[in-house]
PDB file of N, CA and C in Angstrom:
ATOM      1  N   MET A   1       0.822  -1.198   0.000  1.00  0.00           N
ATOM      2  CA  MET A   1       0.000   0.000   0.000  1.00  0.00           C
ATOM      3  C   MET A   1       0.859   1.253   0.000  1.00  0.00           C
ATOM      4  N   MET A   2       1.995   1.216   0.690  1.00  0.00           N
ATOM      5  CA  MET A   2       2.841   2.396   0.812  1.00  0.00           C
ATOM      6  C   MET A   2       3.360   2.856  -0.552  1.00  0.00           C
ATOM      7  N   HIS A   3       3.694   1.910  -1.434  1.00  0.00           N
ATOM      8  CA  HIS A   3       4.198   2.267  -2.755  1.00  0.00           C
ATOM      9  C   HIS A   3       3.122   2.942  -3.606  1.00  0.00           C
ATOM     10  N   ARG A   4       1.899   2.438  -3.509  1.00  0.00           N
ATOM     11  CA  ARG A   4       0.782   3.049  -4.241  1.00  0.00           C
ATOM     12  C   ARG A   4       0.561   4.476  -3.783  1.00  0.00           C
ATOM     13  N   ALA A   5       0.580   4.672  -2.479  1.00  0.00           N
ATOM     14  CA  ALA A   5       0.353   6.008  -1.918  1.00  0.00           C
ATOM     15  C   ALA A   5       1.479   6.953  -2.318  1.00  0.00           C
ATOM     16  N   ALA A   6       2.715   6.460  -2.331  1.00  0.00           N
ATOM     17  CA  ALA A   6       3.853   7.292  -2.730  1.00  0.00           C
ATOM     18  C   ALA A   6       3.748   7.689  -4.200  1.00  0.00           C
ATOM     19  N   LEU A   7       3.384   6.739  -5.057  1.00  0.00           N
ATOM     20  CA  LEU A   7       3.207   7.041  -6.475  1.00  0.00           C
ATOM     21  C   LEU A   7       2.083   8.049  -6.662  1.00  0.00           C
ATOM     22  N   MET A   8       0.990   7.851  -5.962  1.00  0.00           N
ATOM     23  CA  MET A   8      -0.140   8.774  -6.053  1.00  0.00           C
ATOM     24  C   MET A   8       0.278  10.176  -5.610  1.00  0.00           C
ATOM     25  N   GLU A   9       1.061  10.279  -4.551  1.00  0.00           N
ATOM     26  CA  GLU A   9       1.513  11.579  -4.048  1.00  0.00           C
ATOM     27  C   GLU A   9       2.402  12.290  -5.069  1.00  0.00           C
ATOM     28  N   ILE A  10       3.312  11.569  -5.687  1.00  0.00           N
ATOM     29  CA  ILE A  10       4.191  12.158  -6.712  1.00  0.00           C
ATOM     30  C   ILE A  10       3.371  12.671  -7.889  1.00  0.00           C
ATOM     31  N   ILE A  11       2.464  11.851  -8.363  1.00  0.00           N
ATOM     32  CA  ILE A  11       1.644  12.249  -9.512  1.00  0.00           C
ATOM     33  C   ILE A  11       0.741  13.419  -9.150  1.00  0.00           C
ATOM     34  N   GLU A  12       0.152  13.375  -7.976  1.00  0.00           N
ATOM     35  CA  GLU A  12      -0.723  14.464  -7.528  1.00  0.00           C
ATOM     36  C   GLU A  12       0.045  15.784  -7.415  1.00  0.00           C
ATOM     37  N   ASP A  13       1.263  15.719  -6.892  1.00  0.00           N
ATOM     38  CA  ASP A  13       2.092  16.929  -6.760  1.00  0.00           C
ATOM     39  C   ASP A  13       2.401  17.563  -8.110  1.00  0.00           C
ATOM     40  N   ARG A  14       2.581  16.748  -9.133  1.00  0.00           N
ATOM     41  CA  ARG A  14       2.974  17.251 -10.449  1.00  0.00           C
ATOM     42  C   ARG A  14       1.795  17.540 -11.378  1.00  0.00           C
ATOM     43  N   HIS A  15       0.660  16.950 -11.090  1.00  0.00           N
ATOM     44  CA  HIS A  15      -0.511  17.049 -11.971  1.00  0.00           C
ATOM     45  C   HIS A  15      -0.898  18.512 -12.213  1.00  0.00           C
ATOM     46  N   GLY A  16      -0.873  18.889 -13.478  1.00  0.00           N
ATOM     47  CA  GLY A  16      -1.273  20.240 -13.868  1.00  0.00           C
ATOM     48  C   GLY A  16      -0.231  21.307 -13.613  1.00  0.00           C
ATOM     49  N   LYS A  17       0.909  20.933 -13.051  1.00  0.00           N
ATOM     50  CA  LYS A  17       1.943  21.918 -12.708  1.00  0.00           C
ATOM     51  C   LYS A  17       3.222  21.747 -13.511  1.00  0.00           C
ATOM     52  N   THR A  18       3.598  20.533 -13.768  1.00  0.00           N
ATOM     53  CA  THR A  18       4.871  20.264 -14.420  1.00  0.00           C
ATOM     54  C   THR A  18       4.769  18.978 -15.245  1.00  0.00           C
ATOM     55  N   SER A  19       5.746  18.772 -16.078  1.00  0.00           N
ATOM     56  CA  SER A  19       5.758  17.580 -16.926  1.00  0.00           C
ATOM     57  C   SER A  19       6.151  16.346 -16.132  1.00  0.00           C
ATOM     58  N   LEU A  20       5.723  15.218 -16.624  1.00  0.00           N
ATOM     59  CA  LEU A  20       6.046  13.940 -16.009  1.00  0.00           C
ATOM     60  C   LEU A  20       6.298  12.942 -17.128  1.00  0.00           C
ATOM     61  N   ILE A  21       7.443  12.305 -17.096  1.00  0.00           N
ATOM     62  CA  ILE A  21       7.767  11.288 -18.091  1.00  0.00           C
ATOM     63  C   ILE A  21       7.780   9.937 -17.388  1.00  0.00           C
ATOM     64  N   ILE A  22       7.023   9.016 -17.936  1.00  0.00           N
ATOM     65  CA  ILE A  22       6.954   7.669 -17.374  1.00  0.00           C
ATOM     66  C   ILE A  22       7.332   6.694 -18.478  1.00  0.00           C
ATOM     67  N   THR A  23       8.223   5.779 -18.169  1.00  0.00           N
ATOM     68  CA  THR A  23       8.561   4.719 -19.117  1.00  0.00           C
ATOM     69  C   THR A  23       8.233   3.380 -18.469  1.00  0.00           C
ATOM     70  N   SER A  24       7.772   2.454 -19.277  1.00  0.00           N
ATOM     71  CA  SER A  24       7.405   1.149 -18.750  1.00  0.00           C
ATOM     72  C   SER A  24       7.442   0.113 -19.855  1.00  0.00           C
ATOM     73  N   GLN A  25       7.858  -1.074 -19.495  1.00  0.00           N
ATOM     74  CA  GLN A  25       7.766  -2.195 -20.424  1.00  0.00           C
ATOM     75  C   GLN A  25       6.436  -2.922 -20.240  1.00  0.00           C
ATOM     76  N   LEU A  26       5.694  -2.517 -19.234  1.00  0.00           N
ATOM     77  CA  LEU A  26       4.399  -3.118 -18.935  1.00  0.00           C
ATOM     78  C   LEU A  26       3.310  -2.390 -19.719  1.00  0.00           C
ATOM     79  N   PRO A  27       2.488  -3.102 -20.467  1.00  0.00           N
ATOM     80  CA  PRO A  27       1.414  -2.443 -21.214  1.00  0.00           C
ATOM     81  C   PRO A  27       0.445  -1.724 -20.264  1.00  0.00           C
ATOM     82  N   VAL A  28      -0.086  -0.602 -20.692  1.00  0.00           N
ATOM     83  CA  VAL A  28      -1.017   0.178 -19.877  1.00  0.00           C
ATOM     84  C   VAL A  28      -2.205  -0.680 -19.436  1.00  0.00           C
ATOM     85  N   SER A  29      -2.609  -1.615 -20.272  1.00  0.00           N
ATOM     86  CA  SER A  29      -3.747  -2.481 -19.928  1.00  0.00           C
ATOM     87  C   SER A  29      -3.501  -3.318 -18.674  1.00  0.00           C
ATOM     88  N   LYS A  30      -2.260  -3.466 -18.258  1.00  0.00           N
ATOM     89  CA  LYS A  30      -1.908  -4.260 -17.066  1.00  0.00           C
ATOM     90  C   LYS A  30      -1.684  -3.393 -15.825  1.00  0.00           C
ATOM     91  N   TRP A  31      -1.686  -2.072 -15.969  1.00  0.00           N
ATOM     92  CA  TRP A  31      -1.361  -1.183 -14.847  1.00  0.00           C
ATOM     93  C   TRP A  31      -2.338  -1.319 -13.686  1.00  0.00           C
ATOM     94  N   HIS A  32      -3.643  -1.430 -13.949  1.00  0.00           N
ATOM     95  CA  HIS A  32      -4.622  -1.588 -12.863  1.00  0.00           C
ATOM     96  C   HIS A  32      -4.280  -2.813 -12.023  1.00  0.00           C
ATOM     97  N   GLU A  33      -3.969  -3.897 -12.698  1.00  0.00           N
ATOM     98  CA  GLU A  33      -3.649  -5.154 -12.015  1.00  0.00           C
ATOM     99  C   GLU A  33      -2.406  -4.998 -11.136  1.00  0.00           C
ATOM    100  N   VAL A  34      -1.388  -4.321 -11.635  1.00  0.00           N
ATOM    101  CA  VAL A  34      -0.141  -4.164 -10.899  1.00  0.00           C
ATOM    102  C   VAL A  34      -0.296  -3.179  -9.731  1.00  0.00           C
ATOM    103  N   ILE A  35      -0.994  -2.083  -9.965  1.00  0.00           N
ATOM    104  CA  ILE A  35      -1.210  -1.100  -8.899  1.00  0.00           C
ATOM    105  C   ILE A  35      -2.045  -1.732  -7.784  1.00  0.00           C
ATOM    106  N   GLY A  36      -2.994  -2.552  -8.162  1.00  0.00           N
ATOM    107  CA  GLY A  36      -3.731  -3.318  -7.168  1.00  0.00           C
ATOM    108  C   GLY A  36      -5.051  -2.722  -6.748  1.00  0.00           C
ATOM    109  N   GLU A  37      -5.045  -1.711  -5.949  1.00  0.00           N
ATOM    110  CA  GLU A  37      -6.281  -1.130  -5.422  1.00  0.00           C
ATOM    111  C   GLU A  37      -6.971  -0.300  -6.500  1.00  0.00           C
ATOM    112  N   LYS A  38      -8.200  -0.687  -6.844  1.00  0.00           N
ATOM    113  CA  LYS A  38      -8.908  -0.087  -7.981  1.00  0.00           C
ATOM    114  C   LYS A  38      -9.074   1.429  -7.866  1.00  0.00           C
ATOM    115  N   THR A  39      -9.438   1.918  -6.708  1.00  0.00           N
ATOM    116  CA  THR A  39      -9.672   3.357  -6.540  1.00  0.00           C
ATOM    117  C   THR A  39      -8.401   4.155  -6.760  1.00  0.00           C
ATOM    118  N   ILE A  40      -7.295   3.696  -6.181  1.00  0.00           N
ATOM    119  CA  ILE A  40      -6.022   4.396  -6.350  1.00  0.00           C
ATOM    120  C   ILE A  40      -5.539   4.257  -7.790  1.00  0.00           C
ATOM    121  N   ALA A  41      -5.691   3.074  -8.377  1.00  0.00           N
ATOM    122  CA  ALA A  41      -5.285   2.859  -9.768  1.00  0.00           C
ATOM    123  C   ALA A  41      -6.057   3.795 -10.697  1.00  0.00           C
ATOM    124  N   ASP A  42      -7.365   3.933 -10.480  1.00  0.00           N
ATOM    125  CA  ASP A  42      -8.169   4.843 -11.296  1.00  0.00           C
ATOM    126  C   ASP A  42      -7.678   6.285 -11.164  1.00  0.00           C
ATOM    127  N   ALA A  43      -7.418   6.706  -9.936  1.00  0.00           N
ATOM    128  CA  ALA A  43      -6.956   8.083  -9.704  1.00  0.00           C
ATOM    129  C   ALA A  43      -5.602   8.331 -10.359  1.00  0.00           C
ATOM    130  N   ILE A  44      -4.681   7.396 -10.215  1.00  0.00           N
ATOM    131  CA  ILE A  44      -3.347   7.528 -10.812  1.00  0.00           C
ATOM    132  C   ILE A  44      -3.457   7.588 -12.332  1.00  0.00           C
ATOM    133  N   LEU A  45      -4.178   6.643 -12.919  1.00  0.00           N
ATOM    134  CA  LEU A  45      -4.276   6.584 -14.378  1.00  0.00           C
ATOM    135  C   LEU A  45      -5.044   7.764 -14.951  1.00  0.00           C
ATOM    136  N   ASP A  46      -6.068   8.240 -14.244  1.00  0.00           N
ATOM    137  CA  ASP A  46      -6.780   9.432 -14.713  1.00  0.00           C
ATOM    138  C   ASP A  46      -5.833  10.618 -14.838  1.00  0.00           C
ATOM    139  N   ARG A  47      -4.978  10.813 -13.857  1.00  0.00           N
ATOM    140  CA  ARG A  47      -4.054  11.948 -13.868  1.00  0.00           C
ATOM    141  C   ARG A  47      -2.942  11.770 -14.900  1.00  0.00           C
ATOM    142  N   ILE A  48      -2.490  10.528 -15.080  1.00  0.00           N
ATOM    143  CA  ILE A  48      -1.425  10.267 -16.054  1.00  0.00           C
ATOM    144  C   ILE A  48      -1.943  10.423 -17.480  1.00  0.00           C
ATOM    145  N   VAL A  49      -3.093   9.838 -17.758  1.00  0.00           N
ATOM    146  CA  VAL A  49      -3.611   9.788 -19.119  1.00  0.00           C
ATOM    147  C   VAL A  49      -4.162  11.130 -19.586  1.00  0.00           C
ATOM    148  N   HIS A  50      -4.675  11.939 -18.678  1.00  0.00           N
ATOM    149  CA  HIS A  50      -5.240  13.243 -19.039  1.00  0.00           C
ATOM    150  C   HIS A  50      -4.163  14.107 -19.696  1.00  0.00           C
ATOM    151  N   ASP A  51      -4.395  14.558 -20.912  1.00  0.00           N
ATOM    152  CA  ASP A  51      -3.451  15.383 -21.684  1.00  0.00           C
ATOM    153  C   ASP A  51      -2.110  14.699 -21.957  1.00  0.00           C
ATOM    154  N   ALA A  52      -2.087  13.387 -21.962  1.00  0.00           N
ATOM    155  CA  ALA A  52      -0.832  12.655 -22.178  1.00  0.00           C
ATOM    156  C   ALA A  52      -0.493  12.560 -23.658  1.00  0.00           C
ATOM    157  N   HIS A  53       0.780  12.484 -23.944  1.00  0.00           N
ATOM    158  CA  HIS A  53       1.295  12.161 -25.270  1.00  0.00           C
ATOM    159  C   HIS A  53       1.948  10.798 -25.113  1.00  0.00           C
ATOM    160  N   ARG A  54       1.341   9.811 -25.721  1.00  0.00           N
ATOM    161  CA  ARG A  54       1.796   8.441 -25.521  1.00  0.00           C
ATOM    162  C   ARG A  54       2.548   7.949 -26.746  1.00  0.00           C
ATOM    163  N   LEU A  55       3.720   7.414 -26.526  1.00  0.00           N
ATOM    164  CA  LEU A  55       4.523   6.809 -27.588  1.00  0.00           C
ATOM    165  C   LEU A  55       4.668   5.333 -27.278  1.00  0.00           C
ATOM    166  N   GLU A  56       4.263   4.505 -28.210  1.00  0.00           N
ATOM    167  CA  GLU A  56       4.384   3.074 -28.028  1.00  0.00           C
ATOM    168  C   GLU A  56       5.374   2.555 -29.054  1.00  0.00           C
ATOM    169  N   LEU A  57       6.467   2.022 -28.585  1.00  0.00           N
ATOM    170  CA  LEU A  57       7.521   1.546 -29.467  1.00  0.00           C
ATOM    171  C   LEU A  57       7.338   0.063 -29.738  1.00  0.00           C
ATOM    172  N   THR A  58       7.666  -0.335 -30.955  1.00  0.00           N
ATOM    173  CA  THR A  58       7.598  -1.741 -31.324  1.00  0.00           C
ATOM    174  C   THR A  58       8.917  -2.128 -31.979  1.00  0.00           C
ATOM    175  N   GLY A  59       9.100  -3.396 -32.154  1.00  0.00           N
ATOM    176  CA  GLY A  59      10.305  -3.871 -32.814  1.00  0.00           C
ATOM    177  C   GLY A  59      11.229  -4.573 -31.841  1.00  0.00           C
ATOM    178  N   GLU A  60      12.342  -5.027 -32.380  1.00  0.00           N
ATOM    179  CA  GLU A  60      13.314  -5.764 -31.585  1.00  0.00           C
ATOM    180  C   GLU A  60      14.010  -4.847 -30.592  1.00  0.00           C
ATOM    181  N   SER A  61      14.346  -5.374 -29.461  1.00  0.00           N
ATOM    182  CA  SER A  61      15.035  -4.633 -28.410  1.00  0.00           C
ATOM    183  C   SER A  61      16.388  -4.120 -28.901  1.00  0.00           C
ATOM    184  N   MET A  62      16.684  -2.878 -28.586  1.00  0.00           N
ATOM    185  CA  MET A  62      17.990  -2.305 -28.941  1.00  0.00           C
ATOM    186  C   MET A  62      19.107  -3.010 -28.174  1.00  0.00           C
ATOM    187  N   ARG A  63      18.815  -3.512 -26.991  1.00  0.00           N
ATOM    188  CA  ARG A  63      19.828  -4.256 -26.232  1.00  0.00           C
ATOM    189  C   ARG A  63      20.266  -5.499 -26.991  1.00  0.00           C
ATOM    190  N   LYS A  64      19.298  -6.162 -27.620  1.00  0.00           N
ATOM    191  CA  LYS A  64      19.640  -7.353 -28.395  1.00  0.00           C
ATOM    192  C   LYS A  64      20.472  -6.986 -29.616  1.00  0.00           C
ATOM    193  N   LYS A  65      20.138  -5.867 -30.251  1.00  0.00           N
ATOM    194  CA  LYS A  65      20.879  -5.438 -31.436  1.00  0.00           C
ATOM    195  C   LYS A  65      22.296  -5.031 -31.093  1.00  0.00           C
ATOM    196  N   ARG A  66      22.492  -4.443 -29.924  1.00  0.00           N
ATOM    197  CA  ARG A  66      23.819  -3.951 -29.520  1.00  0.00           C
ATOM    198  C   ARG A  66      24.668  -5.008 -28.831  1.00  0.00           C
ATOM    199  N   LYS A  67      24.083  -6.113 -28.459  1.00  0.00           N
ATOM    200  CA  LYS A  67      24.797  -7.145 -27.720  1.00  0.00           C
ATOM    201  C   LYS A  67      25.936  -7.697 -28.571  1.00  0.00           C
ATOM    202  N   PRO A  68      27.169  -7.624 -28.062  1.00  0.00           N
ATOM    203  CA  PRO A  68      28.306  -8.125 -28.846  1.00  0.00           C
ATOM    204  C   PRO A  68      28.239  -9.650 -28.990  1.00  0.00           C
ATOM    205  N   GLU A  69      28.691 -10.099 -30.120  1.00  0.00           N
ATOM    206  CA  GLU A  69      28.741 -11.539 -30.367  1.00  0.00           C
ATOM    207  C   GLU A  69      29.798 -12.164 -29.468  1.00  0.00           C
ATOM    208  N   PRO A  70      29.527 -13.334 -28.914  1.00  0.00           N
ATOM    209  CA  PRO A  70      30.538 -14.001 -28.066  1.00  0.00           C
ATOM    210  C   PRO A  70      31.752 -14.378 -28.920  1.00  0.00           C
ATOM    211  N   GLU A  71      32.911 -14.165 -28.344  1.00  0.00           N
ATOM    212  CA  GLU A  71      34.145 -14.508 -29.057  1.00  0.00           C
ATOM    213  C   GLU A  71      34.336 -16.011 -29.050  1.00  0.00           C
ATOM    214  N   THR A  72      34.738 -16.542 -30.181  1.00  0.00           N
ATOM    215  CA  THR A  72      35.004 -17.965 -30.263  1.00  0.00           C
ATOM    216  C   THR A  72      36.501 -18.191 -30.188  1.00  0.00           C
ATOM    217  N   GLN A  73      36.896 -19.219 -29.500  1.00  0.00           N
ATOM    218  CA  GLN A  73      38.319 -19.535 -29.389  1.00  0.00           C
ATOM    219  C   GLN A  73      38.620 -20.760 -30.207  1.00  0.00           C
ATOM    220  N   GLU A  74      39.699 -20.668 -30.938  1.00  0.00           N
ATOM    221  CA  GLU A  74      40.132 -21.825 -31.722  1.00  0.00           C
ATOM    222  C   GLU A  74      40.982 -22.712 -30.848  1.00  0.00           C
ATOM    223  N   ILE A  75      40.795 -24.015 -31.003  1.00  0.00           N
ATOM    224  CA  ILE A  75      41.563 -24.968 -30.205  1.00  0.00           C
ATOM    225  C   ILE A  75      42.592 -25.636 -31.074  1.00  0.00           C
TER     226      ILE A  75
END
């Protein structure tokens, strides 16, 4: 419960006053489930989604593309 309340407090403090950037690998459709308590989840998502600019990226992970190939040793 403490984490939900802390997140709600941060969002409430910034709502309508300053920008907020949130990144997540979790789809928005799963946020209610993760936040847990429906009332707090609704309040958090209402404030986040209101006037939001949402960018959803697709494609292969950049980490996978940048991962160096393992070196092979000749015997």
